[in-house]
Amino acid sequence: MTPDTRRANSPGGWPSARAYRHPYHPALVSIPIGAWSASLIFDIASRVVSAPEFLTAGSRWLIGIGIAGAVAASVAGFVDLAALPEGTAAYRTACAHMAINMLLIFAYVANFGWRQRVPPRAAPVSAGMLALSAVSIALLAVSGFLGGRLTYRYGAHVADEATRAAGYRAGGRNA
């Protein structure tokens, strides 16, 4: 089985677009990326407003939503990883991407648990919580870079040349 055949038959693709290798993982990662980015913004904002309770509570909720989204994205990511041939640069990059993402899930679970133990009060997010969120977002950026490398450099789970070319022909249809 060739790498292209393995990718084409990957169960991670959308059922209606399997031939185009459109996996679930890229769609699902927008949930944790957006939620965790917004939680950091809420954390920072909680330190500059006079009544930060709604921001600290919102940040906690966003972290929880991000964790749920990350778990879903990781399941789809494992399926996509299984379709990559072992021993290749793409596989090694995917393994590094996965390791960082697993570390991020654990970091955000710890962050969420920490916030759950702090009683609600009219105070901003602590400096430690803010630092953990900032470091986590930096790691998320590194992981995103690796995910982009998988797609744009190695072509992991990307349509074949003929399919891509059809999208650039004038008047062409790529349904």
N, C-alpha and C. Protein backbone atom coordinates (compact mmCIF):
# COMPACT_ATOMS: atom_id res chain seq x y z
N MET A 1 0.85 -1.18 0.00
CA MET A 1 0.00 0.00 0.00
C MET A 1 0.89 1.23 0.00
N THR A 2 0.69 2.12 -0.95
CA THR A 2 1.52 3.32 -1.04
C THR A 2 1.05 4.35 -0.03
N PRO A 3 1.91 5.34 0.28
CA PRO A 3 1.48 6.40 1.20
C PRO A 3 0.22 7.11 0.71
N ASP A 4 0.12 7.36 -0.62
CA ASP A 4 -1.06 8.04 -1.14
C ASP A 4 -2.31 7.18 -0.96
N THR A 5 -2.18 5.87 -1.16
CA THR A 5 -3.33 4.98 -0.98
C THR A 5 -3.74 4.95 0.48
N ARG A 6 -2.75 4.90 1.39
CA ARG A 6 -3.06 4.91 2.82
C ARG A 6 -3.80 6.18 3.18
N ARG A 7 -3.35 7.33 2.67
CA ARG A 7 -4.01 8.60 2.98
C ARG A 7 -5.42 8.62 2.41
N ALA A 8 -5.57 8.17 1.17
CA ALA A 8 -6.88 8.21 0.52
C ALA A 8 -7.88 7.34 1.27
N ASN A 9 -7.42 6.26 1.89
CA ASN A 9 -8.31 5.35 2.59
C ASN A 9 -8.40 5.65 4.07
N SER A 10 -7.80 6.74 4.51
CA SER A 10 -7.79 7.08 5.92
C SER A 10 -9.21 7.33 6.42
N PRO A 11 -9.58 6.73 7.55
CA PRO A 11 -10.92 6.98 8.08
C PRO A 11 -11.08 8.38 8.64
N GLY A 12 -10.01 9.19 8.63
CA GLY A 12 -10.11 10.55 9.16
C GLY A 12 -10.72 11.53 8.18
N GLY A 13 -10.99 11.10 6.94
CA GLY A 13 -11.54 12.02 5.95
C GLY A 13 -13.04 12.19 6.07
N TRP A 14 -13.54 13.34 5.61
CA TRP A 14 -14.99 13.55 5.58
C TRP A 14 -15.59 12.53 4.64
N PRO A 15 -16.65 11.86 5.02
CA PRO A 15 -17.21 10.81 4.17
C PRO A 15 -17.56 11.29 2.76
N SER A 16 -18.07 12.51 2.60
CA SER A 16 -18.47 12.99 1.29
C SER A 16 -17.30 13.52 0.47
N ALA A 17 -16.13 13.68 1.10
CA ALA A 17 -14.99 14.25 0.39
C ALA A 17 -13.73 13.42 0.60
N ARG A 18 -13.89 12.14 0.82
CA ARG A 18 -12.74 11.27 1.11
C ARG A 18 -11.71 11.34 -0.01
N ALA A 19 -12.15 11.45 -1.25
CA ALA A 19 -11.20 11.51 -2.36
C ALA A 19 -10.31 12.75 -2.27
N TYR A 20 -10.77 13.77 -1.59
CA TYR A 20 -9.98 15.00 -1.46
C TYR A 20 -9.17 15.01 -0.17
N ARG A 21 -9.22 13.92 0.59
CA ARG A 21 -8.44 13.77 1.81
C ARG A 21 -8.66 14.95 2.77
N HIS A 22 -9.90 15.30 2.98
CA HIS A 22 -10.22 16.40 3.88
C HIS A 22 -10.51 15.83 5.26
N PRO A 23 -9.49 15.77 6.11
CA PRO A 23 -9.66 15.14 7.42
C PRO A 23 -10.40 16.03 8.41
N TYR A 24 -10.88 15.41 9.47
CA TYR A 24 -11.60 16.13 10.52
C TYR A 24 -10.66 17.01 11.35
N HIS A 25 -9.44 16.56 11.56
CA HIS A 25 -8.52 17.24 12.47
C HIS A 25 -8.38 18.75 12.21
N PRO A 26 -8.14 19.19 10.97
CA PRO A 26 -7.99 20.64 10.76
C PRO A 26 -9.24 21.44 11.12
N ALA A 27 -10.40 20.85 10.94
CA ALA A 27 -11.64 21.56 11.30
C ALA A 27 -11.80 21.64 12.82
N LEU A 28 -11.44 20.57 13.51
CA LEU A 28 -11.64 20.52 14.96
C LEU A 28 -10.63 21.36 15.74
N VAL A 29 -9.42 21.55 15.20
CA VAL A 29 -8.41 22.30 15.97
C VAL A 29 -8.79 23.76 16.16
N SER A 30 -9.70 24.26 15.35
CA SER A 30 -10.11 25.66 15.52
C SER A 30 -10.78 25.88 16.88
N ILE A 31 -11.38 24.84 17.44
CA ILE A 31 -12.05 24.98 18.74
C ILE A 31 -11.04 25.27 19.86
N PRO A 32 -10.04 24.40 20.09
CA PRO A 32 -9.10 24.73 21.17
C PRO A 32 -8.25 25.97 20.87
N ILE A 33 -7.87 26.15 19.62
CA ILE A 33 -7.05 27.34 19.29
C ILE A 33 -7.83 28.61 19.63
N GLY A 34 -9.06 28.68 19.19
CA GLY A 34 -9.86 29.87 19.45
C GLY A 34 -10.19 30.05 20.92
N ALA A 35 -10.60 28.97 21.57
CA ALA A 35 -10.99 29.06 22.98
C ALA A 35 -9.79 29.42 23.86
N TRP A 36 -8.65 28.76 23.63
CA TRP A 36 -7.49 29.04 24.47
C TRP A 36 -6.89 30.40 24.19
N SER A 37 -6.94 30.85 22.95
CA SER A 37 -6.46 32.21 22.64
C SER A 37 -7.35 33.25 23.32
N ALA A 38 -8.65 33.04 23.24
CA ALA A 38 -9.59 33.96 23.89
C ALA A 38 -9.41 33.93 25.41
N SER A 39 -9.12 32.76 25.98
CA SER A 39 -8.94 32.69 27.44
C SER A 39 -7.73 33.52 27.87
N LEU A 40 -6.67 33.52 27.07
CA LEU A 40 -5.51 34.35 27.41
C LEU A 40 -5.87 35.83 27.33
N ILE A 41 -6.64 36.21 26.35
CA ILE A 41 -7.10 37.60 26.24
C ILE A 41 -7.95 37.97 27.45
N PHE A 42 -8.84 37.07 27.87
CA PHE A 42 -9.65 37.31 29.07
C PHE A 42 -8.76 37.43 30.31
N ASP A 43 -7.74 36.57 30.40
CA ASP A 43 -6.81 36.64 31.54
C ASP A 43 -6.14 38.00 31.61
N ILE A 44 -5.63 38.46 30.48
CA ILE A 44 -4.96 39.77 30.44
C ILE A 44 -5.94 40.87 30.78
N ALA A 45 -7.13 40.80 30.17
CA ALA A 45 -8.15 41.83 30.42
C ALA A 45 -8.57 41.86 31.89
N SER A 46 -8.56 40.70 32.56
CA SER A 46 -8.97 40.66 33.97
C SER A 46 -8.02 41.47 34.85
N ARG A 47 -6.83 41.71 34.35
CA ARG A 47 -5.84 42.46 35.13
C ARG A 47 -5.90 43.96 34.87
N VAL A 48 -6.77 44.39 33.94
CA VAL A 48 -6.85 45.83 33.64
C VAL A 48 -8.23 46.45 33.86
N VAL A 49 -9.23 45.64 34.21
CA VAL A 49 -10.57 46.18 34.45
C VAL A 49 -10.83 46.22 35.95
N SER A 50 -11.81 47.02 36.33
CA SER A 50 -12.10 47.17 37.76
C SER A 50 -12.96 46.03 38.32
N ALA A 51 -13.75 45.37 37.50
CA ALA A 51 -14.60 44.26 37.95
C ALA A 51 -14.31 43.03 37.09
N PRO A 52 -13.26 42.27 37.44
CA PRO A 52 -12.81 41.18 36.56
C PRO A 52 -13.52 39.84 36.70
N GLU A 53 -14.53 39.74 37.57
CA GLU A 53 -15.14 38.43 37.84
C GLU A 53 -15.63 37.74 36.56
N PHE A 54 -16.31 38.50 35.69
CA PHE A 54 -16.85 37.88 34.49
C PHE A 54 -15.74 37.42 33.55
N LEU A 55 -14.62 38.09 33.58
CA LEU A 55 -13.50 37.69 32.73
C LEU A 55 -12.80 36.44 33.27
N THR A 56 -12.62 36.37 34.58
CA THR A 56 -11.98 35.18 35.15
C THR A 56 -12.88 33.95 34.98
N ALA A 57 -14.19 34.14 35.15
CA ALA A 57 -15.13 33.02 34.94
C ALA A 57 -15.16 32.64 33.45
N GLY A 58 -15.17 33.64 32.59
CA GLY A 58 -15.18 33.37 31.15
C GLY A 58 -13.93 32.64 30.70
N SER A 59 -12.80 33.03 31.26
CA SER A 59 -11.55 32.37 30.92
C SER A 59 -11.57 30.90 31.31
N ARG A 60 -12.09 30.63 32.49
CA ARG A 60 -12.19 29.24 32.96
C ARG A 60 -13.08 28.44 32.01
N TRP A 61 -14.21 29.00 31.62
CA TRP A 61 -15.11 28.32 30.68
C TRP A 61 -14.42 28.07 29.34
N LEU A 62 -13.71 29.07 28.87
CA LEU A 62 -13.02 28.92 27.58
C LEU A 62 -11.95 27.84 27.64
N ILE A 63 -11.25 27.74 28.76
CA ILE A 63 -10.26 26.67 28.91
C ILE A 63 -10.94 25.31 28.86
N GLY A 64 -12.08 25.18 29.55
CA GLY A 64 -12.83 23.93 29.51
C GLY A 64 -13.32 23.57 28.12
N ILE A 65 -13.83 24.55 27.40
CA ILE A 65 -14.28 24.33 26.02
C ILE A 65 -13.10 23.91 25.15
N GLY A 66 -11.96 24.57 25.35
CA GLY A 66 -10.76 24.22 24.59
C GLY A 66 -10.31 22.80 24.87
N ILE A 67 -10.39 22.37 26.11
CA ILE A 67 -10.00 20.99 26.45
C ILE A 67 -10.90 20.00 25.72
N ALA A 68 -12.20 20.23 25.76
CA ALA A 68 -13.13 19.33 25.06
C ALA A 68 -12.84 19.29 23.56
N GLY A 69 -12.61 20.45 22.98
CA GLY A 69 -12.27 20.50 21.56
C GLY A 69 -10.95 19.83 21.24
N ALA A 70 -9.98 19.98 22.14
CA ALA A 70 -8.66 19.37 21.93
C ALA A 70 -8.73 17.85 21.99
N VAL A 71 -9.55 17.34 22.88
CA VAL A 71 -9.71 15.88 22.96
C VAL A 71 -10.31 15.35 21.66
N ALA A 72 -11.33 16.02 21.15
CA ALA A 72 -11.94 15.61 19.88
C ALA A 72 -10.92 15.71 18.74
N ALA A 73 -10.19 16.81 18.69
CA ALA A 73 -9.19 16.99 17.64
C ALA A 73 -8.08 15.96 17.74
N SER A 74 -7.72 15.57 18.96
CA SER A 74 -6.64 14.59 19.12
C SER A 74 -7.07 13.21 18.63
N VAL A 75 -8.32 12.86 18.82
CA VAL A 75 -8.81 11.57 18.30
C VAL A 75 -8.68 11.56 16.78
N ALA A 76 -9.13 12.63 16.14
CA ALA A 76 -9.00 12.72 14.68
C ALA A 76 -7.53 12.77 14.26
N GLY A 77 -6.70 13.42 15.06
CA GLY A 77 -5.27 13.49 14.75
C GLY A 77 -4.60 12.13 14.83
N PHE A 78 -5.00 11.31 15.80
CA PHE A 78 -4.45 9.95 15.89
C PHE A 78 -4.80 9.15 14.64
N VAL A 79 -6.02 9.31 14.15
CA VAL A 79 -6.44 8.61 12.93
C VAL A 79 -5.58 9.07 11.75
N ASP A 80 -5.35 10.38 11.65
CA ASP A 80 -4.52 10.90 10.57
C ASP A 80 -3.08 10.42 10.70
N LEU A 81 -2.56 10.37 11.93
CA LEU A 81 -1.19 9.90 12.15
C LEU A 81 -1.03 8.46 11.68
N ALA A 82 -2.04 7.64 11.92
CA ALA A 82 -1.97 6.24 11.52
C ALA A 82 -1.84 6.07 10.01
N ALA A 83 -2.26 7.07 9.25
CA ALA A 83 -2.19 6.99 7.80
C ALA A 83 -0.84 7.42 7.24
N LEU A 84 0.05 7.95 8.09
CA LEU A 84 1.36 8.38 7.62
C LEU A 84 2.35 7.22 7.68
N PRO A 85 3.21 7.10 6.68
CA PRO A 85 4.20 6.02 6.71
C PRO A 85 5.26 6.28 7.77
N GLU A 86 5.52 5.28 8.60
CA GLU A 86 6.53 5.41 9.65
C GLU A 86 7.92 5.58 9.05
N GLY A 87 8.79 6.26 9.80
CA GLY A 87 10.16 6.45 9.36
C GLY A 87 10.36 7.62 8.43
N THR A 88 9.30 8.36 8.14
CA THR A 88 9.41 9.51 7.23
C THR A 88 9.51 10.81 8.03
N ALA A 89 9.96 11.86 7.37
CA ALA A 89 10.02 13.17 8.02
C ALA A 89 8.62 13.63 8.43
N ALA A 90 7.64 13.34 7.60
CA ALA A 90 6.26 13.72 7.93
C ALA A 90 5.80 13.00 9.19
N TYR A 91 6.12 11.74 9.33
CA TYR A 91 5.72 10.97 10.51
C TYR A 91 6.40 11.52 11.77
N ARG A 92 7.70 11.81 11.68
CA ARG A 92 8.42 12.36 12.83
C ARG A 92 7.86 13.72 13.22
N THR A 93 7.55 14.54 12.22
CA THR A 93 6.96 15.86 12.50
C THR A 93 5.59 15.69 13.16
N ALA A 94 4.81 14.75 12.66
CA ALA A 94 3.48 14.50 13.24
C ALA A 94 3.60 14.01 14.68
N CYS A 95 4.60 13.20 14.96
CA CYS A 95 4.79 12.72 16.34
C CYS A 95 5.17 13.87 17.27
N ALA A 96 6.03 14.78 16.80
CA ALA A 96 6.38 15.95 17.61
C ALA A 96 5.15 16.84 17.83
N HIS A 97 4.37 17.04 16.77
CA HIS A 97 3.13 17.81 16.83
C HIS A 97 2.19 17.19 17.87
N MET A 98 2.05 15.86 17.83
CA MET A 98 1.18 15.16 18.76
C MET A 98 1.69 15.29 20.20
N ALA A 99 2.98 15.13 20.40
CA ALA A 99 3.54 15.21 21.75
C ALA A 99 3.29 16.59 22.37
N ILE A 100 3.50 17.63 21.59
CA ILE A 100 3.24 18.99 22.09
C ILE A 100 1.77 19.15 22.41
N ASN A 101 0.90 18.65 21.55
CA ASN A 101 -0.53 18.78 21.79
C ASN A 101 -0.99 18.02 23.03
N MET A 102 -0.41 16.86 23.27
CA MET A 102 -0.75 16.11 24.48
C MET A 102 -0.28 16.88 25.72
N LEU A 103 0.92 17.45 25.64
CA LEU A 103 1.42 18.28 26.74
C LEU A 103 0.48 19.46 26.98
N LEU A 104 -0.01 20.06 25.91
CA LEU A 104 -0.94 21.20 26.03
C LEU A 104 -2.24 20.78 26.71
N ILE A 105 -2.76 19.63 26.35
CA ILE A 105 -4.00 19.17 26.99
C ILE A 105 -3.77 19.02 28.49
N PHE A 106 -2.66 18.39 28.87
CA PHE A 106 -2.36 18.23 30.30
C PHE A 106 -2.16 19.58 30.98
N ALA A 107 -1.49 20.51 30.32
CA ALA A 107 -1.26 21.84 30.90
C ALA A 107 -2.59 22.56 31.11
N TYR A 108 -3.48 22.48 30.13
CA TYR A 108 -4.77 23.17 30.28
C TYR A 108 -5.68 22.47 31.28
N VAL A 109 -5.60 21.15 31.40
CA VAL A 109 -6.37 20.46 32.44
C VAL A 109 -5.87 20.91 33.81
N ALA A 110 -4.55 21.02 33.97
CA ALA A 110 -3.99 21.51 35.24
C ALA A 110 -4.43 22.95 35.49
N ASN A 111 -4.40 23.79 34.47
CA ASN A 111 -4.80 25.19 34.59
C ASN A 111 -6.27 25.28 34.99
N PHE A 112 -7.10 24.46 34.34
CA PHE A 112 -8.53 24.44 34.66
C PHE A 112 -8.75 24.00 36.10
N GLY A 113 -8.08 22.94 36.51
CA GLY A 113 -8.21 22.45 37.88
C GLY A 113 -7.75 23.49 38.90
N TRP A 114 -6.68 24.17 38.61
CA TRP A 114 -6.17 25.23 39.48
C TRP A 114 -7.23 26.31 39.65
N ARG A 115 -7.84 26.70 38.54
CA ARG A 115 -8.87 27.75 38.58
C ARG A 115 -10.12 27.29 39.31
N GLN A 116 -10.44 26.00 39.22
CA GLN A 116 -11.60 25.47 39.93
C GLN A 116 -11.40 25.52 41.44
N ARG A 117 -10.17 25.37 41.89
CA ARG A 117 -9.87 25.36 43.34
C ARG A 117 -9.84 26.77 43.94
N VAL A 118 -9.68 27.77 43.10
CA VAL A 118 -9.64 29.15 43.61
C VAL A 118 -11.08 29.63 43.78
N PRO A 119 -11.45 30.06 44.98
CA PRO A 119 -12.84 30.52 45.18
C PRO A 119 -13.12 31.79 44.35
N PRO A 120 -14.36 31.92 43.89
CA PRO A 120 -14.72 33.11 43.11
C PRO A 120 -14.54 34.37 43.96
N ARG A 121 -13.93 35.35 43.36
CA ARG A 121 -13.71 36.61 44.06
C ARG A 121 -13.54 37.73 43.03
N ALA A 122 -13.59 38.92 43.52
CA ALA A 122 -13.45 40.08 42.65
C ALA A 122 -11.97 40.41 42.46
N ALA A 123 -11.21 39.46 41.92
CA ALA A 123 -9.78 39.65 41.71
C ALA A 123 -9.41 39.15 40.33
N PRO A 124 -8.39 39.70 39.75
CA PRO A 124 -7.96 39.23 38.43
C PRO A 124 -7.34 37.83 38.51
N VAL A 125 -7.14 37.24 37.38
CA VAL A 125 -6.44 35.96 37.29
C VAL A 125 -5.05 36.14 37.86
N SER A 126 -4.58 35.17 38.62
CA SER A 126 -3.26 35.30 39.25
C SER A 126 -2.15 35.33 38.20
N ALA A 127 -1.01 35.84 38.61
CA ALA A 127 0.14 35.92 37.71
C ALA A 127 0.58 34.52 37.28
N GLY A 128 0.50 33.55 38.18
CA GLY A 128 0.88 32.18 37.83
C GLY A 128 -0.03 31.57 36.78
N MET A 129 -1.34 31.78 36.93
CA MET A 129 -2.29 31.27 35.94
C MET A 129 -2.07 31.94 34.59
N LEU A 130 -1.85 33.25 34.64
CA LEU A 130 -1.59 34.00 33.41
C LEU A 130 -0.31 33.50 32.74
N ALA A 131 0.73 33.25 33.52
CA ALA A 131 2.00 32.75 32.96
C ALA A 131 1.80 31.37 32.33
N LEU A 132 1.06 30.49 33.01
CA LEU A 132 0.81 29.16 32.45
C LEU A 132 0.05 29.26 31.14
N SER A 133 -0.92 30.15 31.08
CA SER A 133 -1.67 30.35 29.83
C SER A 133 -0.78 30.90 28.72
N ALA A 134 0.08 31.84 29.06
CA ALA A 134 0.96 32.44 28.05
C ALA A 134 1.96 31.42 27.50
N VAL A 135 2.55 30.63 28.39
CA VAL A 135 3.49 29.59 27.94
C VAL A 135 2.75 28.56 27.08
N SER A 136 1.54 28.22 27.48
CA SER A 136 0.75 27.25 26.73
C SER A 136 0.43 27.77 25.33
N ILE A 137 0.10 29.04 25.22
CA ILE A 137 -0.19 29.61 23.90
C ILE A 137 1.07 29.61 23.04
N ALA A 138 2.22 29.87 23.63
CA ALA A 138 3.47 29.81 22.87
C ALA A 138 3.70 28.39 22.34
N LEU A 139 3.45 27.38 23.17
CA LEU A 139 3.58 25.99 22.72
C LEU A 139 2.55 25.66 21.65
N LEU A 140 1.36 26.23 21.78
CA LEU A 140 0.33 26.02 20.78
C LEU A 140 0.77 26.58 19.43
N ALA A 141 1.46 27.70 19.45
CA ALA A 141 1.98 28.28 18.20
C ALA A 141 3.02 27.36 17.57
N VAL A 142 3.90 26.77 18.38
CA VAL A 142 4.90 25.83 17.87
C VAL A 142 4.19 24.62 17.26
N SER A 143 3.20 24.10 17.95
CA SER A 143 2.45 22.96 17.44
C SER A 143 1.74 23.31 16.13
N GLY A 144 1.17 24.49 16.07
CA GLY A 144 0.52 24.94 14.84
C GLY A 144 1.50 25.06 13.68
N PHE A 145 2.71 25.53 13.97
CA PHE A 145 3.75 25.59 12.95
C PHE A 145 4.04 24.19 12.42
N LEU A 146 4.16 23.23 13.32
CA LEU A 146 4.42 21.85 12.89
C LEU A 146 3.26 21.28 12.08
N GLY A 147 2.04 21.59 12.49
CA GLY A 147 0.87 21.15 11.73
C GLY A 147 0.86 21.77 10.34
N GLY A 148 1.23 23.03 10.25
CA GLY A 148 1.34 23.68 8.94
C GLY A 148 2.42 23.06 8.09
N ARG A 149 3.53 22.69 8.71
CA ARG A 149 4.60 22.02 7.99
C ARG A 149 4.11 20.69 7.42
N LEU A 150 3.34 19.96 8.21
CA LEU A 150 2.80 18.69 7.73
C LEU A 150 1.96 18.88 6.46
N THR A 151 1.16 19.92 6.47
CA THR A 151 0.27 20.16 5.34
C THR A 151 0.98 20.82 4.16
N TYR A 152 1.66 21.93 4.43
CA TYR A 152 2.17 22.75 3.34
C TYR A 152 3.55 22.32 2.84
N ARG A 153 4.34 21.67 3.66
CA ARG A 153 5.65 21.22 3.19
C ARG A 153 5.61 19.76 2.77
N TYR A 154 4.98 18.92 3.60
CA TYR A 154 4.97 17.49 3.31
C TYR A 154 3.71 17.03 2.60
N GLY A 155 2.70 17.88 2.51
CA GLY A 155 1.47 17.53 1.80
C GLY A 155 0.65 16.45 2.47
N ALA A 156 0.79 16.31 3.79
CA ALA A 156 0.03 15.29 4.50
C ALA A 156 -1.46 15.58 4.39
N HIS A 157 -2.20 14.62 3.93
CA HIS A 157 -3.66 14.69 3.81
C HIS A 157 -4.11 15.83 2.90
N VAL A 158 -3.40 15.99 1.80
CA VAL A 158 -3.74 17.00 0.80
C VAL A 158 -4.07 16.26 -0.49
N ALA A 159 -4.95 16.84 -1.28
CA ALA A 159 -5.37 16.20 -2.53
C ALA A 159 -4.19 16.00 -3.47
N ASP A 160 -4.33 15.04 -4.37
CA ASP A 160 -3.28 14.78 -5.34
C ASP A 160 -3.18 15.95 -6.32
N GLU A 161 -2.12 15.92 -7.14
CA GLU A 161 -1.84 17.04 -8.07
C GLU A 161 -3.00 17.30 -9.02
N ALA A 162 -3.60 16.26 -9.59
CA ALA A 162 -4.68 16.44 -10.55
C ALA A 162 -5.90 17.10 -9.90
N THR A 163 -6.21 16.70 -8.69
CA THR A 163 -7.35 17.28 -7.98
C THR A 163 -7.09 18.75 -7.67
N ARG A 164 -5.89 19.07 -7.22
CA ARG A 164 -5.56 20.47 -6.93
C ARG A 164 -5.57 21.31 -8.19
N ALA A 165 -5.04 20.78 -9.28
CA ALA A 165 -4.99 21.53 -10.54
C ALA A 165 -6.38 21.86 -11.04
N ALA A 166 -7.35 20.96 -10.82
CA ALA A 166 -8.72 21.21 -11.26
C ALA A 166 -9.30 22.46 -10.61
N GLY A 167 -8.89 22.76 -9.40
CA GLY A 167 -9.38 23.95 -8.71
C GLY A 167 -8.83 25.25 -9.27
N TYR A 168 -7.80 25.19 -10.12
CA TYR A 168 -7.19 26.39 -10.67
C TYR A 168 -7.49 26.59 -12.15
N ARG A 169 -8.24 25.69 -12.74
CA ARG A 169 -8.63 25.88 -14.14
C ARG A 169 -9.79 26.85 -14.22
N ALA A 170 -9.74 27.75 -15.20
CA ALA A 170 -10.83 28.71 -15.39
C ALA A 170 -12.10 27.95 -15.73
N GLY A 171 -13.14 28.22 -14.97
CA GLY A 171 -14.43 27.58 -15.22
C GLY A 171 -14.48 26.15 -14.77
N GLY A 172 -13.39 25.65 -14.19
CA GLY A 172 -13.35 24.25 -13.75
C GLY A 172 -14.20 24.03 -12.51
N ARG A 173 -14.69 22.85 -12.38
CA ARG A 173 -15.48 22.49 -11.21
C ARG A 173 -14.74 21.41 -10.45
N ASN A 174 -14.73 21.55 -9.16
CA ASN A 174 -14.05 20.59 -8.31
C ASN A 174 -15.03 20.12 -7.25
N ALA A 175 -16.01 19.35 -7.65
CA ALA A 175 -17.07 18.95 -6.71
C ALA A 175 -16.83 17.65 -6.06
